[in-house]
Amino acid sequence: MSLASKDAAQHAHSPAVSAAKARRFGAWYVAEHKIRTMRGYKWTIAVDGVGSPIVYLFALGVGLATLVDKGMHGTADGVGYLPFVAPALLATAAMMTATEEFTYPVMDGFKWRRVYYGFNASPLSTGQLVDGIILGTAARLAATSIVYYIIMLIFGAVPNGGLGALTVPIALLCGLAVGTPLMSYSASITEDRGQFAMMMRFVITPLFLFSGTFFPLDRLPVYLQWIGWLSPLWHGSELGRVVSYGLAEPPWLTAAHIVYPLALAVAGWAVCRRLFARRLGK
């Protein structure tokens, strides 16, 4: 190798050049780290991503749906029970995955393995750190949702096959609408005193049960329907039904199903940036 080639190679890997790349592509580097970290539990992700939709769709499609369709001649929306519940199950899977990734792993980065402090010591900004974590998690949400949608197609749970593919980005939005506010909460916790268990019991589980997941929201008593109105899962489920089988609803309500989860996701993202910067002192 000539002297000029050696100098060029050294310059390409110099601290200044590396720092400049980090400042420019830092969020993507953090996202790559997040995805590589997931490889440590890839079989859990694979089994959950494939097994859960098969179990849920088989149980509801072959089991419960048979009884519902026979006894009620379909749902109130004029479709079979399986097409009704499938978009909600997809959105629920995204919500649960986001809950998994934005709770203990976030606290782990601050308290146990403290990897966030390593990122903080580099030229990366706290905004890039937050962006990378969310982008890496979004990659898992997207992959899980795509697999779930394919299995829905196999089960015949998507009457509008082409337009129904939009349930994938809708589920991704639903996951982030729940996940980024939850990430903000996780970033504010310094000691594990069972907060996440309480969150699952008193927030995530009620959202799963009272967001019109298994039956239309208006079948609930009025004093419980407010849970669905505030729930990103209900908005994601209803929007998924609109594209999956053509649920009829006013245009303003469809717009609300988009704007509300998007606002939650963006607001949670912004709060995360502020909390990370405050906690990391940068």
Protein backbone atom coordinates (compact mmCIF):
# COMPACT_ATOMS: atom_id res chain seq x y z
CA MET A 1 0.00 0.00 0.00
CA SER A 2 1.34 3.39 -0.96
CA LEU A 3 1.91 6.15 1.56
CA ALA A 4 -0.96 8.17 0.08
CA SER A 5 -3.31 5.18 0.43
CA LYS A 6 -2.31 4.68 4.06
CA ASP A 7 -2.90 8.35 4.82
CA ALA A 8 -6.35 8.15 3.16
CA ALA A 9 -7.25 5.05 5.14
CA GLN A 10 -6.13 6.63 8.41
CA HIS A 11 -8.08 9.78 7.63
CA ALA A 12 -11.23 7.75 6.87
CA HIS A 13 -11.06 6.22 10.36
CA SER A 14 -9.82 9.25 12.23
CA PRO A 15 -11.69 10.38 15.39
CA ALA A 16 -12.88 13.53 13.66
CA VAL A 17 -14.39 11.60 10.74
CA SER A 18 -15.97 9.03 13.06
CA ALA A 19 -17.44 11.77 15.23
CA ALA A 20 -18.85 13.50 12.16
CA LYS A 21 -20.50 10.25 11.04
CA ALA A 22 -21.95 9.74 14.51
CA ARG A 23 -23.42 13.23 14.52
CA ARG A 24 -24.93 12.63 11.10
CA PHE A 25 -26.14 9.03 11.37
CA GLY A 26 -26.23 8.59 15.14
CA ALA A 27 -29.89 7.61 15.37
CA TRP A 28 -29.37 4.82 12.84
CA TYR A 29 -26.35 3.52 14.76
CA VAL A 30 -28.43 3.35 17.93
CA ALA A 31 -31.24 1.64 16.01
CA GLU A 32 -28.72 -0.92 14.72
CA HIS A 33 -27.53 -1.52 18.28
CA LYS A 34 -31.14 -1.98 19.42
CA ILE A 35 -31.82 -4.51 16.67
CA ARG A 36 -28.58 -6.39 17.38
CA THR A 37 -29.55 -6.53 21.06
CA MET A 38 -32.82 -8.19 20.07
CA ARG A 39 -30.81 -11.02 18.54
CA GLY A 40 -30.13 -12.16 22.10
CA TYR A 41 -33.79 -13.15 22.43
CA LYS A 42 -34.56 -13.74 18.76
CA TRP A 43 -36.18 -17.12 19.36
CA THR A 44 -38.56 -15.59 21.87
CA ILE A 45 -39.45 -12.93 19.30
CA ALA A 46 -39.90 -15.55 16.58
CA VAL A 47 -42.05 -17.88 18.66
CA ASP A 48 -44.17 -15.01 19.97
CA GLY A 49 -44.44 -13.37 16.55
CA VAL A 50 -45.64 -16.55 14.83
CA GLY A 51 -47.20 -18.53 17.66
CA SER A 52 -49.42 -15.81 19.13
CA PRO A 53 -51.32 -14.96 15.93
CA ILE A 54 -51.81 -18.64 15.09
CA VAL A 55 -53.14 -19.43 18.56
CA TYR A 56 -55.40 -16.36 18.77
CA LEU A 57 -56.75 -16.59 15.24
CA PHE A 58 -57.31 -20.34 15.47
CA ALA A 59 -59.04 -20.09 18.85
CA LEU A 60 -61.25 -17.20 17.78
CA GLY A 61 -61.69 -18.19 14.15
CA VAL A 62 -62.37 -21.90 14.57
CA GLY A 63 -63.70 -21.80 18.10
CA LEU A 64 -65.49 -18.68 19.30
CA ALA A 65 -66.29 -17.31 15.83
CA THR A 66 -68.28 -20.45 15.01
CA LEU A 67 -70.56 -19.84 17.98
CA VAL A 68 -70.87 -16.10 17.43
CA ASP A 69 -71.60 -16.36 13.71
CA LYS A 70 -74.12 -19.14 14.27
CA GLY A 71 -75.93 -17.50 17.14
CA MET A 72 -75.84 -13.86 16.00
CA HIS A 73 -75.54 -14.22 12.22
CA GLY A 74 -72.31 -12.21 12.24
CA THR A 75 -71.36 -9.08 14.12
CA ALA A 76 -73.11 -5.75 14.26
CA ASP A 77 -70.88 -4.62 11.37
CA GLY A 78 -72.32 -7.24 9.05
CA VAL A 79 -69.19 -9.39 8.83
CA GLY A 80 -68.09 -12.60 10.47
CA TYR A 81 -66.55 -12.50 13.91
CA LEU A 82 -63.03 -13.38 12.76
CA PRO A 83 -62.72 -10.45 10.28
CA PHE A 84 -64.12 -8.21 13.01
CA VAL A 85 -61.66 -9.22 15.71
CA ALA A 86 -58.52 -9.80 13.58
CA PRO A 87 -57.53 -6.12 13.07
CA ALA A 88 -57.92 -5.54 16.81
CA LEU A 89 -55.71 -8.53 17.58
CA LEU A 90 -53.05 -7.17 15.23
CA ALA A 91 -53.15 -3.77 16.94
CA THR A 92 -53.07 -5.49 20.33
CA ALA A 93 -49.96 -7.47 19.35
CA ALA A 94 -48.22 -4.22 18.40
CA MET A 95 -49.26 -2.63 21.70
CA MET A 96 -47.98 -5.58 23.74
CA THR A 97 -44.68 -5.65 21.86
CA ALA A 98 -44.22 -1.92 22.43
CA THR A 99 -45.00 -2.42 26.11
CA GLU A 100 -42.32 -5.09 26.29
CA GLU A 101 -39.64 -3.00 24.56
CA PHE A 102 -40.33 0.35 26.22
CA THR A 103 -40.39 -0.71 29.87
CA TYR A 104 -37.60 -2.84 31.38
CA PRO A 105 -35.16 -2.40 28.44
CA VAL A 106 -35.34 1.39 28.91
CA MET A 107 -34.75 1.14 32.63
CA ASP A 108 -31.97 -1.34 31.92
CA GLY A 109 -30.20 1.26 29.79
CA PHE A 110 -30.20 3.70 32.70
CA LYS A 111 -29.84 1.52 35.79
CA TRP A 112 -28.46 -1.97 35.23
CA ARG A 113 -26.29 -2.18 32.12
CA ARG A 114 -26.20 1.64 31.84
CA VAL A 115 -25.50 1.54 28.10
CA TYR A 116 -27.18 4.92 27.64
CA TYR A 117 -24.32 6.55 29.52
CA GLY A 118 -21.91 5.00 27.04
CA PHE A 119 -23.86 6.50 24.16
CA ASN A 120 -23.99 9.78 26.05
CA ALA A 121 -20.18 9.89 26.27
CA SER A 122 -19.95 9.74 22.47
CA PRO A 123 -20.69 12.54 19.99
CA LEU A 124 -24.30 11.30 19.78
CA SER A 125 -26.97 13.63 21.12
CA THR A 126 -29.68 12.47 23.50
CA GLY A 127 -32.19 13.15 20.73
CA GLN A 128 -30.38 10.71 18.47
CA LEU A 129 -30.32 8.16 21.29
CA VAL A 130 -34.08 8.42 21.76
CA ASP A 131 -34.72 8.38 18.02
CA GLY A 132 -32.58 5.27 17.58
CA ILE A 133 -34.31 3.35 20.36
CA ILE A 134 -37.71 4.16 18.91
CA LEU A 135 -36.63 3.37 15.34
CA GLY A 136 -35.15 0.03 16.41
CA THR A 137 -38.32 -0.88 18.27
CA ALA A 138 -40.42 0.26 15.32
CA ALA A 139 -38.49 -2.19 13.14
CA ARG A 140 -39.58 -5.04 15.41
CA LEU A 141 -43.15 -3.76 15.48
CA ALA A 142 -43.23 -3.61 11.68
CA ALA A 143 -41.77 -7.10 11.26
CA THR A 144 -44.16 -8.58 13.83
CA SER A 145 -47.15 -6.84 12.23
CA ILE A 146 -46.24 -8.06 8.75
CA VAL A 147 -46.04 -11.67 9.95
CA TYR A 148 -49.34 -11.25 11.80
CA TYR A 149 -51.00 -9.84 8.69
CA ILE A 150 -49.76 -12.73 6.53
CA ILE A 151 -51.25 -15.21 9.00
CA MET A 152 -54.50 -13.22 8.96
CA LEU A 153 -54.57 -13.64 5.18
CA ILE A 154 -54.02 -17.38 5.55
CA PHE A 155 -56.97 -17.58 7.94
CA GLY A 156 -59.15 -15.57 5.54
CA ALA A 157 -59.59 -12.79 8.08
CA VAL A 158 -59.03 -9.88 5.66
CA PRO A 159 -61.95 -9.40 3.23
CA ASN A 160 -60.27 -6.38 1.57
CA GLY A 161 -56.99 -8.06 0.76
CA GLY A 162 -55.18 -5.15 -0.93
CA LEU A 163 -56.38 -2.27 1.22
CA GLY A 164 -56.19 -4.49 4.26
CA ALA A 165 -52.38 -4.31 4.12
CA LEU A 166 -52.75 -0.85 5.66
CA THR A 167 -53.49 -2.61 8.95
CA VAL A 168 -49.71 -3.06 9.26
CA PRO A 169 -48.78 0.66 9.47
CA ILE A 170 -51.92 1.23 11.54
CA ALA A 171 -50.72 -1.35 14.06
CA LEU A 172 -47.29 0.28 14.05
CA LEU A 173 -48.88 3.64 14.84
CA CYS A 174 -50.94 2.07 17.62
CA GLY A 175 -47.83 0.51 19.14
CA LEU A 176 -45.93 3.81 19.12
CA ALA A 177 -48.94 5.70 20.49
CA VAL A 178 -48.81 3.47 23.55
CA GLY A 179 -45.05 2.94 23.53
CA THR A 180 -43.55 6.42 23.45
CA PRO A 181 -45.57 7.73 26.43
CA LEU A 182 -44.66 4.51 28.23
CA MET A 183 -41.01 5.06 27.33
CA SER A 184 -41.25 8.52 28.89
CA TYR A 185 -42.58 6.98 32.08
CA SER A 186 -39.83 4.35 32.08
CA ALA A 187 -37.17 7.05 31.68
CA SER A 188 -38.46 8.78 34.81
CA ILE A 189 -38.14 5.71 37.06
CA THR A 190 -34.97 5.29 39.11
CA GLU A 191 -35.93 2.25 41.19
CA ASP A 192 -37.98 -0.81 40.27
CA ARG A 193 -40.72 -1.04 42.90
CA GLY A 194 -43.24 -2.92 40.78
CA GLN A 195 -44.32 0.08 38.72
CA PHE A 196 -44.31 -1.85 35.47
CA ALA A 197 -46.37 -4.68 36.95
CA MET A 198 -48.89 -2.12 38.15
CA MET A 199 -48.87 -0.50 34.73
CA MET A 200 -49.67 -3.83 33.07
CA ARG A 201 -52.40 -4.62 35.57
CA PHE A 202 -54.19 -1.28 35.75
CA VAL A 203 -53.48 0.34 32.37
CA ILE A 204 -52.49 -2.10 29.62
CA THR A 205 -54.87 -4.91 30.59
CA PRO A 206 -57.95 -2.61 30.85
CA LEU A 207 -57.02 -1.14 27.46
CA PHE A 208 -56.94 -4.66 26.05
CA LEU A 209 -60.29 -5.62 27.57
CA PHE A 210 -62.28 -2.40 27.16
CA SER A 211 -61.16 -1.04 23.79
CA GLY A 212 -63.70 -2.80 21.60
CA THR A 213 -61.24 -5.61 20.94
CA PHE A 214 -63.65 -8.52 21.14
CA PHE A 215 -66.99 -6.73 20.70
CA PRO A 216 -68.16 -3.27 19.58
CA LEU A 217 -67.44 -0.56 22.11
CA ASP A 218 -71.09 0.53 22.25
CA ARG A 219 -71.96 -2.85 23.78
CA LEU A 220 -70.20 -1.74 26.96
CA PRO A 221 -72.00 0.29 29.64
CA VAL A 222 -71.66 4.02 29.04
CA TYR A 223 -69.57 4.45 32.20
CA LEU A 224 -66.89 2.16 30.70
CA GLN A 225 -66.93 3.41 27.12
CA TRP A 226 -64.67 6.37 27.99
CA ILE A 227 -61.78 3.90 28.34
CA GLY A 228 -62.13 3.05 24.68
CA TRP A 229 -62.45 6.67 23.60
CA LEU A 230 -59.11 7.45 25.26
CA SER A 231 -57.45 4.21 24.21
CA PRO A 232 -55.05 4.21 21.24
CA LEU A 233 -55.95 0.54 20.87
CA TRP A 234 -59.60 1.34 20.14
CA HIS A 235 -58.65 3.94 17.55
CA GLY A 236 -56.17 1.54 15.95
CA SER A 237 -58.67 -1.33 15.96
CA GLU A 238 -61.44 0.75 14.40
CA LEU A 239 -59.13 2.19 11.76
CA GLY A 240 -57.92 -1.32 10.99
CA ARG A 241 -61.52 -2.44 10.51
CA VAL A 242 -62.14 0.45 8.13
CA VAL A 243 -59.36 -0.70 5.79
CA SER A 244 -59.75 -4.43 6.44
CA TYR A 245 -63.44 -4.91 5.67
CA GLY A 246 -64.86 -1.44 5.08
CA LEU A 247 -66.33 -0.53 8.46
CA ALA A 248 -68.82 2.29 7.84
CA GLU A 249 -68.21 5.36 10.00
CA PRO A 250 -68.25 9.17 9.60
CA PRO A 251 -65.14 10.65 7.92
CA TRP A 252 -64.45 12.84 10.96
CA LEU A 253 -64.23 9.75 13.15
CA THR A 254 -61.80 8.08 10.77
CA ALA A 255 -59.69 11.26 10.88
CA ALA A 256 -59.79 11.15 14.68
CA HIS A 257 -58.56 7.55 14.60
CA ILE A 258 -55.46 8.81 12.76
CA VAL A 259 -54.82 12.14 14.47
CA TYR A 260 -55.24 11.00 18.08
CA PRO A 261 -52.71 8.11 18.09
CA LEU A 262 -50.32 10.18 15.97
CA ALA A 263 -50.51 13.04 18.48
CA LEU A 264 -49.84 10.65 21.37
CA ALA A 265 -46.85 9.11 19.59
CA VAL A 266 -45.32 12.50 18.71
CA ALA A 267 -45.96 13.97 22.17
CA GLY A 268 -44.48 10.92 23.88
CA TRP A 269 -41.46 11.09 21.57
CA ALA A 270 -40.87 14.76 22.42
CA VAL A 271 -41.19 14.15 26.17
CA CYS A 272 -38.73 11.25 25.89
CA ARG A 273 -36.14 13.57 24.39
CA ARG A 274 -36.50 16.02 27.28
CA LEU A 275 -36.39 13.35 29.99
CA PHE A 276 -33.36 11.60 28.48
CA ALA A 277 -31.52 14.92 28.21
CA ARG A 278 -32.36 15.79 31.81
CA ARG A 279 -31.37 12.39 33.18
CA LEU A 280 -28.14 12.14 31.19
CA GLY A 281 -27.24 15.75 31.88
CA LYS A 282 -26.73 16.68 28.25
